[in-house]
């Protein structure tokens, strides 16, 4: 299975992984570079395989397109999205 397909079929697991690495909440900004580095870390930690910098960038771009189609990411500009995922609503303190 291609890495792009692995990420798409495990997109919720990947979001949860990102949440452990970066502040990620419903209606928070999602930055491309965080996704890019998140892809490299995810494959290294969870799938025990290395992904090169340029390959991870391509995977992240395809993932963003996938998430936009699912309406989980709403585009603000070419490198920033708003997360539309109510399960990640920040709890009141």
PDB file of N, CA and C in Angstrom:
ATOM      1  N   UNK A   1       0.848  -1.184   0.000  1.00  0.00           N
ATOM      2  CA  UNK A   1       0.000   0.000   0.000  1.00  0.00           C
ATOM      3  C   UNK A   1       0.891   1.243   0.000  1.00  0.00           C
ATOM      4  N   UNK A   2       0.538   2.216  -0.819  1.00  0.00           N
ATOM      5  CA  UNK A   2       1.296   3.459  -0.896  1.00  0.00           C
ATOM      6  C   UNK A   2       1.128   4.278   0.384  1.00  0.00           C
ATOM      7  N   UNK A   3       2.145   5.059   0.682  1.00  0.00           N
ATOM      8  CA  UNK A   3       2.109   5.878   1.904  1.00  0.00           C
ATOM      9  C   UNK A   3       0.938   6.861   1.884  1.00  0.00           C
ATOM     10  N   UNK A   4       0.625   7.415   0.718  1.00  0.00           N
ATOM     11  CA  UNK A   4      -0.526   8.313   0.612  1.00  0.00           C
ATOM     12  C   UNK A   4      -1.805   7.607   1.032  1.00  0.00           C
ATOM     13  N   UNK A   5      -1.961   6.374   0.562  1.00  0.00           N
ATOM     14  CA  UNK A   5      -3.164   5.605   0.876  1.00  0.00           C
ATOM     15  C   UNK A   5      -3.214   5.219   2.350  1.00  0.00           C
ATOM     16  N   UNK A   6      -2.058   4.912   2.917  1.00  0.00           N
ATOM     17  CA  UNK A   6      -1.989   4.578   4.343  1.00  0.00           C
ATOM     18  C   UNK A   6      -2.477   5.762   5.170  1.00  0.00           C
ATOM     19  N   UNK A   7      -1.997   6.948   4.829  1.00  0.00           N
ATOM     20  CA  UNK A   7      -2.377   8.142   5.586  1.00  0.00           C
ATOM     21  C   UNK A   7      -3.868   8.447   5.426  1.00  0.00           C
ATOM     22  N   UNK A   8      -4.379   8.320   4.220  1.00  0.00           N
ATOM     23  CA  UNK A   8      -5.803   8.592   3.981  1.00  0.00           C
ATOM     24  C   UNK A   8      -6.685   7.595   4.718  1.00  0.00           C
ATOM     25  N   UNK A   9      -6.327   6.328   4.677  1.00  0.00           N
ATOM     26  CA  UNK A   9      -7.167   5.333   5.343  1.00  0.00           C
ATOM     27  C   UNK A   9      -7.051   5.394   6.863  1.00  0.00           C
ATOM     28  N   UNK A  10      -6.025   6.079   7.353  1.00  0.00           N
ATOM     29  CA  UNK A  10      -5.828   6.253   8.801  1.00  0.00           C
ATOM     30  C   UNK A  10      -5.848   7.718   9.184  1.00  0.00           C
ATOM     31  N   UNK A  11      -6.665   8.515   8.502  1.00  0.00           N
ATOM     32  CA  UNK A  11      -6.623   9.970   8.704  1.00  0.00           C
ATOM     33  C   UNK A  11      -6.998  10.386  10.128  1.00  0.00           C
ATOM     34  N   UNK A  12      -7.906   9.679  10.774  1.00  0.00           N
ATOM     35  CA  UNK A  12      -8.269  10.025  12.158  1.00  0.00           C
ATOM     36  C   UNK A  12      -7.110   9.680  13.098  1.00  0.00           C
ATOM     37  N   UNK A  13      -6.493   8.540  12.898  1.00  0.00           N
ATOM     38  CA  UNK A  13      -5.319   8.171  13.699  1.00  0.00           C
ATOM     39  C   UNK A  13      -4.209   9.207  13.506  1.00  0.00           C
ATOM     40  N   UNK A  14      -4.016   9.658  12.273  1.00  0.00           N
ATOM     41  CA  UNK A  14      -2.994  10.663  11.992  1.00  0.00           C
ATOM     42  C   UNK A  14      -3.328  11.980  12.694  1.00  0.00           C
ATOM     43  N   UNK A  15      -4.592  12.400  12.668  1.00  0.00           N
ATOM     44  CA  UNK A  15      -4.982  13.625  13.374  1.00  0.00           C
ATOM     45  C   UNK A  15      -4.704  13.493  14.871  1.00  0.00           C
ATOM     46  N   UNK A  16      -5.021  12.340  15.429  1.00  0.00           N
ATOM     47  CA  UNK A  16      -4.750  12.122  16.859  1.00  0.00           C
ATOM     48  C   UNK A  16      -3.253  12.171  17.152  1.00  0.00           C
ATOM     49  N   UNK A  17      -2.471  11.605  16.240  1.00  0.00           N
ATOM     50  CA  UNK A  17      -1.019  11.662  16.387  1.00  0.00           C
ATOM     51  C   UNK A  17      -0.542  13.115  16.345  1.00  0.00           C
ATOM     52  N   UNK A  18      -1.038  13.890  15.379  1.00  0.00           N
ATOM     53  CA  UNK A  18      -0.661  15.295  15.278  1.00  0.00           C
ATOM     54  C   UNK A  18      -1.019  16.057  16.541  1.00  0.00           C
ATOM     55  N   UNK A  19      -2.155  15.706  17.130  1.00  0.00           N
ATOM     56  CA  UNK A  19      -2.613  16.379  18.352  1.00  0.00           C
ATOM     57  C   UNK A  19      -1.616  16.165  19.493  1.00  0.00           C
ATOM     58  N   UNK A  20      -0.905  15.051  19.490  1.00  0.00           N
ATOM     59  CA  UNK A  20       0.109  14.813  20.521  1.00  0.00           C
ATOM     60  C   UNK A  20       1.379  15.618  20.262  1.00  0.00           C
ATOM     61  N   UNK A  21       1.565  16.069  19.025  1.00  0.00           N
ATOM     62  CA  UNK A  21       2.774  16.787  18.633  1.00  0.00           C
ATOM     63  C   UNK A  21       2.595  18.313  18.607  1.00  0.00           C
ATOM     64  N   UNK A  22       1.386  18.756  18.250  1.00  0.00           N
ATOM     65  CA  UNK A  22       1.095  20.179  18.047  1.00  0.00           C
ATOM     66  C   UNK A  22      -0.240  20.524  18.697  1.00  0.00           C
ATOM     67  N   UNK A  23      -0.453  21.794  19.048  1.00  0.00           N
ATOM     68  CA  UNK A  23      -1.782  22.187  19.553  1.00  0.00           C
ATOM     69  C   UNK A  23      -2.790  22.096  18.412  1.00  0.00           C
ATOM     70  N   UNK A  24      -3.689  21.150  18.489  1.00  0.00           N
ATOM     71  CA  UNK A  24      -4.643  20.898  17.406  1.00  0.00           C
ATOM     72  C   UNK A  24      -6.030  20.757  18.021  1.00  0.00           C
ATOM     73  N   UNK A  25      -6.867  21.743  17.759  1.00  0.00           N
ATOM     74  CA  UNK A  25      -8.214  21.770  18.317  1.00  0.00           C
ATOM     75  C   UNK A  25      -9.206  22.120  17.221  1.00  0.00           C
ATOM     76  N   UNK A  26     -10.467  21.764  17.443  1.00  0.00           N
ATOM     77  CA  UNK A  26     -11.538  22.150  16.533  1.00  0.00           C
ATOM     78  C   UNK A  26     -11.492  23.661  16.320  1.00  0.00           C
ATOM     79  N   UNK A  27     -11.517  24.068  15.085  1.00  0.00           N
ATOM     80  CA  UNK A  27     -11.478  25.469  14.650  1.00  0.00           C
ATOM     81  C   UNK A  27     -10.129  26.151  14.882  1.00  0.00           C
ATOM     82  N   UNK A  28      -9.080  25.366  15.141  1.00  0.00           N
ATOM     83  CA  UNK A  28      -7.739  25.950  15.237  1.00  0.00           C
ATOM     84  C   UNK A  28      -7.084  25.928  13.856  1.00  0.00           C
ATOM     85  N   UNK A  29      -6.049  26.724  13.709  1.00  0.00           N
ATOM     86  CA  UNK A  29      -5.308  26.736  12.453  1.00  0.00           C
ATOM     87  C   UNK A  29      -4.432  25.496  12.347  1.00  0.00           C
ATOM     88  N   UNK A  30      -4.321  24.999  11.137  1.00  0.00           N
ATOM     89  CA  UNK A  30      -3.433  23.880  10.814  1.00  0.00           C
ATOM     90  C   UNK A  30      -2.460  24.420   9.769  1.00  0.00           C
ATOM     91  N   UNK A  31      -1.178  24.275  10.020  1.00  0.00           N
ATOM     92  CA  UNK A  31      -0.155  24.819   9.137  1.00  0.00           C
ATOM     93  C   UNK A  31       0.502  23.700   8.337  1.00  0.00           C
ATOM     94  N   UNK A  32       0.785  24.017   7.076  1.00  0.00           N
ATOM     95  CA  UNK A  32       1.342  23.000   6.189  1.00  0.00           C
ATOM     96  C   UNK A  32       2.621  22.393   6.745  1.00  0.00           C
ATOM     97  N   UNK A  33       3.524  23.222   7.249  1.00  0.00           N
ATOM     98  CA  UNK A  33       4.809  22.692   7.714  1.00  0.00           C
ATOM     99  C   UNK A  33       4.614  21.750   8.891  1.00  0.00           C
ATOM    100  N   UNK A  34       3.630  22.001   9.754  1.00  0.00           N
ATOM    101  CA  UNK A  34       3.330  21.061  10.843  1.00  0.00           C
ATOM    102  C   UNK A  34       2.879  19.718  10.277  1.00  0.00           C
ATOM    103  N   UNK A  35       2.035  19.769   9.256  1.00  0.00           N
ATOM    104  CA  UNK A  35       1.593  18.525   8.605  1.00  0.00           C
ATOM    105  C   UNK A  35       2.772  17.803   7.973  1.00  0.00           C
ATOM    106  N   UNK A  36       3.605  18.564   7.292  1.00  0.00           N
ATOM    107  CA  UNK A  36       4.764  18.001   6.599  1.00  0.00           C
ATOM    108  C   UNK A  36       5.665  17.241   7.583  1.00  0.00           C
ATOM    109  N   UNK A  37       6.056  17.906   8.660  1.00  0.00           N
ATOM    110  CA  UNK A  37       6.902  17.249   9.658  1.00  0.00           C
ATOM    111  C   UNK A  37       6.137  16.149  10.392  1.00  0.00           C
ATOM    112  N   UNK A  38       4.838  16.354  10.561  1.00  0.00           N
ATOM    113  CA  UNK A  38       4.003  15.323  11.177  1.00  0.00           C
ATOM    114  C   UNK A  38       3.989  14.039  10.374  1.00  0.00           C
ATOM    115  N   UNK A  39       3.970  14.157   9.049  1.00  0.00           N
ATOM    116  CA  UNK A  39       4.021  12.976   8.179  1.00  0.00           C
ATOM    117  C   UNK A  39       5.315  12.206   8.422  1.00  0.00           C
ATOM    118  N   UNK A  40       6.436  12.910   8.470  1.00  0.00           N
ATOM    119  CA  UNK A  40       7.715  12.231   8.691  1.00  0.00           C
ATOM    120  C   UNK A  40       7.739  11.526  10.041  1.00  0.00           C
ATOM    121  N   UNK A  41       7.269  12.219  11.083  1.00  0.00           N
ATOM    122  CA  UNK A  41       7.260  11.627  12.432  1.00  0.00           C
ATOM    123  C   UNK A  41       6.283  10.446  12.524  1.00  0.00           C
ATOM    124  N   UNK A  42       5.113  10.610  11.938  1.00  0.00           N
ATOM    125  CA  UNK A  42       4.098   9.553  11.979  1.00  0.00           C
ATOM    126  C   UNK A  42       4.645   8.255  11.379  1.00  0.00           C
ATOM    127  N   UNK A  43       5.228   8.339  10.204  1.00  0.00           N
ATOM    128  CA  UNK A  43       5.733   7.121   9.569  1.00  0.00           C
ATOM    129  C   UNK A  43       6.913   6.543  10.324  1.00  0.00           C
ATOM    130  N   UNK A  44       7.740   7.404  10.883  1.00  0.00           N
ATOM    131  CA  UNK A  44       8.883   6.894  11.632  1.00  0.00           C
ATOM    132  C   UNK A  44       8.439   6.220  12.932  1.00  0.00           C
ATOM    133  N   UNK A  45       7.536   6.865  13.665  1.00  0.00           N
ATOM    134  CA  UNK A  45       7.125   6.330  14.963  1.00  0.00           C
ATOM    135  C   UNK A  45       6.083   5.220  14.871  1.00  0.00           C
ATOM    136  N   UNK A  46       5.081   5.414  14.026  1.00  0.00           N
ATOM    137  CA  UNK A  46       3.953   4.472  13.990  1.00  0.00           C
ATOM    138  C   UNK A  46       4.131   3.342  12.981  1.00  0.00           C
ATOM    139  N   UNK A  47       4.786   3.621  11.871  1.00  0.00           N
ATOM    140  CA  UNK A  47       4.901   2.633  10.800  1.00  0.00           C
ATOM    141  C   UNK A  47       6.323   2.099  10.649  1.00  0.00           C
ATOM    142  N   UNK A  48       7.236   2.612  11.481  1.00  0.00           N
ATOM    143  CA  UNK A  48       8.633   2.159  11.516  1.00  0.00           C
ATOM    144  C   UNK A  48       9.303   2.222  10.146  1.00  0.00           C
ATOM    145  N   UNK A  49       9.034   3.305   9.428  1.00  0.00           N
ATOM    146  CA  UNK A  49       9.671   3.539   8.138  1.00  0.00           C
ATOM    147  C   UNK A  49      10.000   5.016   7.997  1.00  0.00           C
ATOM    148  N   UNK A  50      11.108   5.300   7.354  1.00  0.00           N
ATOM    149  CA  UNK A  50      11.537   6.688   7.156  1.00  0.00           C
ATOM    150  C   UNK A  50      10.938   7.222   5.863  1.00  0.00           C
ATOM    151  N   UNK A  51      10.586   8.489   5.886  1.00  0.00           N
ATOM    152  CA  UNK A  51      10.091   9.178   4.701  1.00  0.00           C
ATOM    153  C   UNK A  51      10.994  10.383   4.494  1.00  0.00           C
ATOM    154  N   UNK A  52      11.523  10.516   3.294  1.00  0.00           N
ATOM    155  CA  UNK A  52      12.402  11.645   2.990  1.00  0.00           C
ATOM    156  C   UNK A  52      11.607  12.942   2.987  1.00  0.00           C
ATOM    157  N   UNK A  53      12.338  14.029   3.194  1.00  0.00           N
ATOM    158  CA  UNK A  53      11.747  15.367   3.292  1.00  0.00           C
ATOM    159  C   UNK A  53      10.846  15.671   2.097  1.00  0.00           C
ATOM    160  N   UNK A  54      11.346  15.505   0.887  1.00  0.00           N
ATOM    161  CA  UNK A  54      10.575  15.844  -0.313  1.00  0.00           C
ATOM    162  C   UNK A  54       9.390  14.908  -0.509  1.00  0.00           C
ATOM    163  N   UNK A  55       9.557  13.637  -0.184  1.00  0.00           N
ATOM    164  CA  UNK A  55       8.452  12.687  -0.289  1.00  0.00           C
ATOM    165  C   UNK A  55       7.350  13.051   0.712  1.00  0.00           C
ATOM    166  N   UNK A  56       7.756  13.401   1.925  1.00  0.00           N
ATOM    167  CA  UNK A  56       6.786  13.782   2.962  1.00  0.00           C
ATOM    168  C   UNK A  56       6.017  15.029   2.552  1.00  0.00           C
ATOM    169  N   UNK A  57       6.674  15.945   1.870  1.00  0.00           N
ATOM    170  CA  UNK A  57       6.003  17.155   1.409  1.00  0.00           C
ATOM    171  C   UNK A  57       4.903  16.805   0.408  1.00  0.00           C
ATOM    172  N   UNK A  58       5.187  15.897  -0.517  1.00  0.00           N
ATOM    173  CA  UNK A  58       4.185  15.456  -1.484  1.00  0.00           C
ATOM    174  C   UNK A  58       3.022  14.738  -0.820  1.00  0.00           C
ATOM    175  N   UNK A  59       3.334  13.884   0.144  1.00  0.00           N
ATOM    176  CA  UNK A  59       2.294  13.157   0.882  1.00  0.00           C
ATOM    177  C   UNK A  59       1.417  14.153   1.635  1.00  0.00           C
ATOM    178  N   UNK A  60       2.033  15.138   2.269  1.00  0.00           N
ATOM    179  CA  UNK A  60       1.274  16.143   3.024  1.00  0.00           C
ATOM    180  C   UNK A  60       0.357  16.937   2.103  1.00  0.00           C
ATOM    181  N   UNK A  61       0.835  17.295   0.911  1.00  0.00           N
ATOM    182  CA  UNK A  61      -0.011  18.040  -0.037  1.00  0.00           C
ATOM    183  C   UNK A  61      -1.219  17.218  -0.472  1.00  0.00           C
ATOM    184  N   UNK A  62      -0.989  15.952  -0.752  1.00  0.00           N
ATOM    185  CA  UNK A  62      -2.105  15.089  -1.147  1.00  0.00           C
ATOM    186  C   UNK A  62      -3.075  14.893   0.020  1.00  0.00           C
ATOM    187  N   UNK A  63      -2.546  14.781   1.233  1.00  0.00           N
ATOM    188  CA  UNK A  63      -3.382  14.627   2.417  1.00  0.00           C
ATOM    189  C   UNK A  63      -4.260  15.855   2.622  1.00  0.00           C
ATOM    190  N   UNK A  64      -3.689  17.034   2.431  1.00  0.00           N
ATOM    191  CA  UNK A  64      -4.449  18.273   2.565  1.00  0.00           C
ATOM    192  C   UNK A  64      -5.625  18.287   1.583  1.00  0.00           C
ATOM    193  N   UNK A  65      -5.370  17.923   0.338  1.00  0.00           N
ATOM    194  CA  UNK A  65      -6.444  17.874  -0.659  1.00  0.00           C
ATOM    195  C   UNK A  65      -7.543  16.910  -0.238  1.00  0.00           C
ATOM    196  N   UNK A  66      -7.141  15.758   0.273  1.00  0.00           N
ATOM    197  CA  UNK A  66      -8.091  14.748   0.763  1.00  0.00           C
ATOM    198  C   UNK A  66      -8.936  15.314   1.906  1.00  0.00           C
ATOM    199  N   UNK A  67      -8.285  15.989   2.855  1.00  0.00           N
ATOM    200  CA  UNK A  67      -8.989  16.536   4.014  1.00  0.00           C
ATOM    201  C   UNK A  67      -9.899  17.703   3.627  1.00  0.00           C
ATOM    202  N   UNK A  68      -9.513  18.470   2.617  1.00  0.00           N
ATOM    203  CA  UNK A  68     -10.389  19.539   2.124  1.00  0.00           C
ATOM    204  C   UNK A  68     -11.659  18.946   1.516  1.00  0.00           C
ATOM    205  N   UNK A  69     -11.514  17.872   0.761  1.00  0.00           N
ATOM    206  CA  UNK A  69     -12.680  17.220   0.148  1.00  0.00           C
ATOM    207  C   UNK A  69     -13.614  16.651   1.209  1.00  0.00           C
ATOM    208  N   UNK A  70     -13.051  16.169   2.305  1.00  0.00           N
ATOM    209  CA  UNK A  70     -13.861  15.639   3.412  1.00  0.00           C
ATOM    210  C   UNK A  70     -14.414  16.765   4.291  1.00  0.00           C
ATOM    211  N   UNK A  71     -14.011  18.003   3.983  1.00  0.00           N
ATOM    212  CA  UNK A  71     -14.419  19.199   4.713  1.00  0.00           C
ATOM    213  C   UNK A  71     -13.965  19.196   6.172  1.00  0.00           C
ATOM    214  N   UNK A  72     -12.874  18.493   6.426  1.00  0.00           N
ATOM    215  CA  UNK A  72     -12.254  18.509   7.753  1.00  0.00           C
ATOM    216  C   UNK A  72     -11.266  19.667   7.833  1.00  0.00           C
ATOM    217  N   UNK A  73     -10.650  20.014   6.697  1.00  0.00           N
ATOM    218  CA  UNK A  73      -9.797  21.196   6.592  1.00  0.00           C
ATOM    219  C   UNK A  73     -10.520  22.214   5.721  1.00  0.00           C
ATOM    220  N   UNK A  74     -10.539  23.453   6.183  1.00  0.00           N
ATOM    221  CA  UNK A  74     -11.071  24.570   5.395  1.00  0.00           C
ATOM    222  C   UNK A  74      -9.926  25.527   5.114  1.00  0.00           C
ATOM    223  N   UNK A  75      -9.666  25.744   3.852  1.00  0.00           N
ATOM    224  CA  UNK A  75      -8.503  26.515   3.422  1.00  0.00           C
ATOM    225  C   UNK A  75      -8.616  27.994   3.778  1.00  0.00           C
ATOM    226  N   UNK A  76      -7.540  28.524   4.361  1.00  0.00           N
ATOM    227  CA  UNK A  76      -7.415  29.960   4.609  1.00  0.00           C
ATOM    228  C   UNK A  76      -6.488  30.589   3.570  1.00  0.00           C
ATOM    229  N   UNK A  77      -5.346  29.945   3.338  1.00  0.00           N
ATOM    230  CA  UNK A  77      -4.420  30.355   2.290  1.00  0.00           C
ATOM    231  C   UNK A  77      -3.649  29.126   1.832  1.00  0.00           C
ATOM    232  N   UNK A  78      -2.607  29.306   1.035  1.00  0.00           N
ATOM    233  CA  UNK A  78      -1.914  28.158   0.438  1.00  0.00           C
ATOM    234  C   UNK A  78      -1.169  27.279   1.447  1.00  0.00           C
ATOM    235  N   UNK A  79      -1.047  27.729   2.684  1.00  0.00           N
ATOM    236  CA  UNK A  79      -0.347  26.909   3.676  1.00  0.00           C
ATOM    237  C   UNK A  79      -1.033  26.851   5.038  1.00  0.00           C
ATOM    238  N   UNK A  80      -2.279  27.307   5.105  1.00  0.00           N
ATOM    239  CA  UNK A  80      -3.003  27.335   6.378  1.00  0.00           C
ATOM    240  C   UNK A  80      -4.451  26.902   6.173  1.00  0.00           C
ATOM    241  N   UNK A  81      -4.949  26.078   7.094  1.00  0.00           N
ATOM    242  CA  UNK A  81      -6.326  25.605   7.065  1.00  0.00           C
ATOM    243  C   UNK A  81      -6.913  25.734   8.464  1.00  0.00           C
ATOM    244  N   UNK A  82      -8.223  25.698   8.550  1.00  0.00           N
ATOM    245  CA  UNK A  82      -8.916  25.645   9.827  1.00  0.00           C
ATOM    246  C   UNK A  82      -9.410  24.215   9.994  1.00  0.00           C
ATOM    247  N   UNK A  83      -9.174  23.652  11.162  1.00  0.00           N
ATOM    248  CA  UNK A  83      -9.621  22.294  11.449  1.00  0.00           C
ATOM    249  C   UNK A  83     -11.101  22.302  11.780  1.00  0.00           C
ATOM    250  N   UNK A  84     -11.869  21.529  11.053  1.00  0.00           N
ATOM    251  CA  UNK A  84     -13.302  21.365  11.300  1.00  0.00           C
ATOM    252  C   UNK A  84     -13.521  19.932  11.787  1.00  0.00           C
ATOM    253  N   UNK A  85     -13.246  19.718  13.066  1.00  0.00           N
ATOM    254  CA  UNK A  85     -13.347  18.390  13.648  1.00  0.00           C
ATOM    255  C   UNK A  85     -13.799  18.526  15.105  1.00  0.00           C
ATOM    256  N   UNK A  86     -15.135  18.519  15.313  1.00  0.00           N
ATOM    257  CA  UNK A  86     -15.691  18.766  16.654  1.00  0.00           C
ATOM    258  C   UNK A  86     -15.189  17.830  17.747  1.00  0.00           C
ATOM    259  N   UNK A  87     -14.701  16.632  17.389  1.00  0.00           N
ATOM    260  CA  UNK A  87     -14.166  15.724  18.414  1.00  0.00           C
ATOM    261  C   UNK A  87     -12.950  16.332  19.117  1.00  0.00           C
ATOM    262  N   UNK A  88     -12.328  17.311  18.499  1.00  0.00           N
ATOM    263  CA  UNK A  88     -11.150  17.955  19.080  1.00  0.00           C
ATOM    264  C   UNK A  88     -11.507  19.301  19.736  1.00  0.00           C
ATOM    265  N   UNK A  89     -12.755  19.477  20.121  1.00  0.00           N
ATOM    266  CA  UNK A  89     -13.152  20.701  20.807  1.00  0.00           C
ATOM    267  C   UNK A  89     -12.408  20.792  22.129  1.00  0.00           C
ATOM    268  N   UNK A  90     -11.824  21.954  22.355  1.00  0.00           N
ATOM    269  CA  UNK A  90     -11.049  22.168  23.586  1.00  0.00           C
ATOM    270  C   UNK A  90     -12.009  22.208  24.769  1.00  0.00           C
ATOM    271  N   UNK A  91     -11.678  21.457  25.792  1.00  0.00           N
ATOM    272  CA  UNK A  91     -12.496  21.392  27.003  1.00  0.00           C
ATOM    273  C   UNK A  91     -12.302  22.655  27.827  1.00  0.00           C
ATOM    274  N   UNK A  92     -13.370  23.165  28.387  1.00  0.00           N
ATOM    275  CA  UNK A  92     -13.285  24.337  29.263  1.00  0.00           C
ATOM    276  C   UNK A  92     -12.550  23.952  30.544  1.00  0.00           C
ATOM    277  N   UNK A  93     -11.707  24.847  31.037  1.00  0.00           N
ATOM    278  CA  UNK A  93     -10.935  24.549  32.254  1.00  0.00           C
ATOM    279  C   UNK A  93     -11.716  24.883  33.490  1.00  0.00           C
TER     280      UNK A  93
END
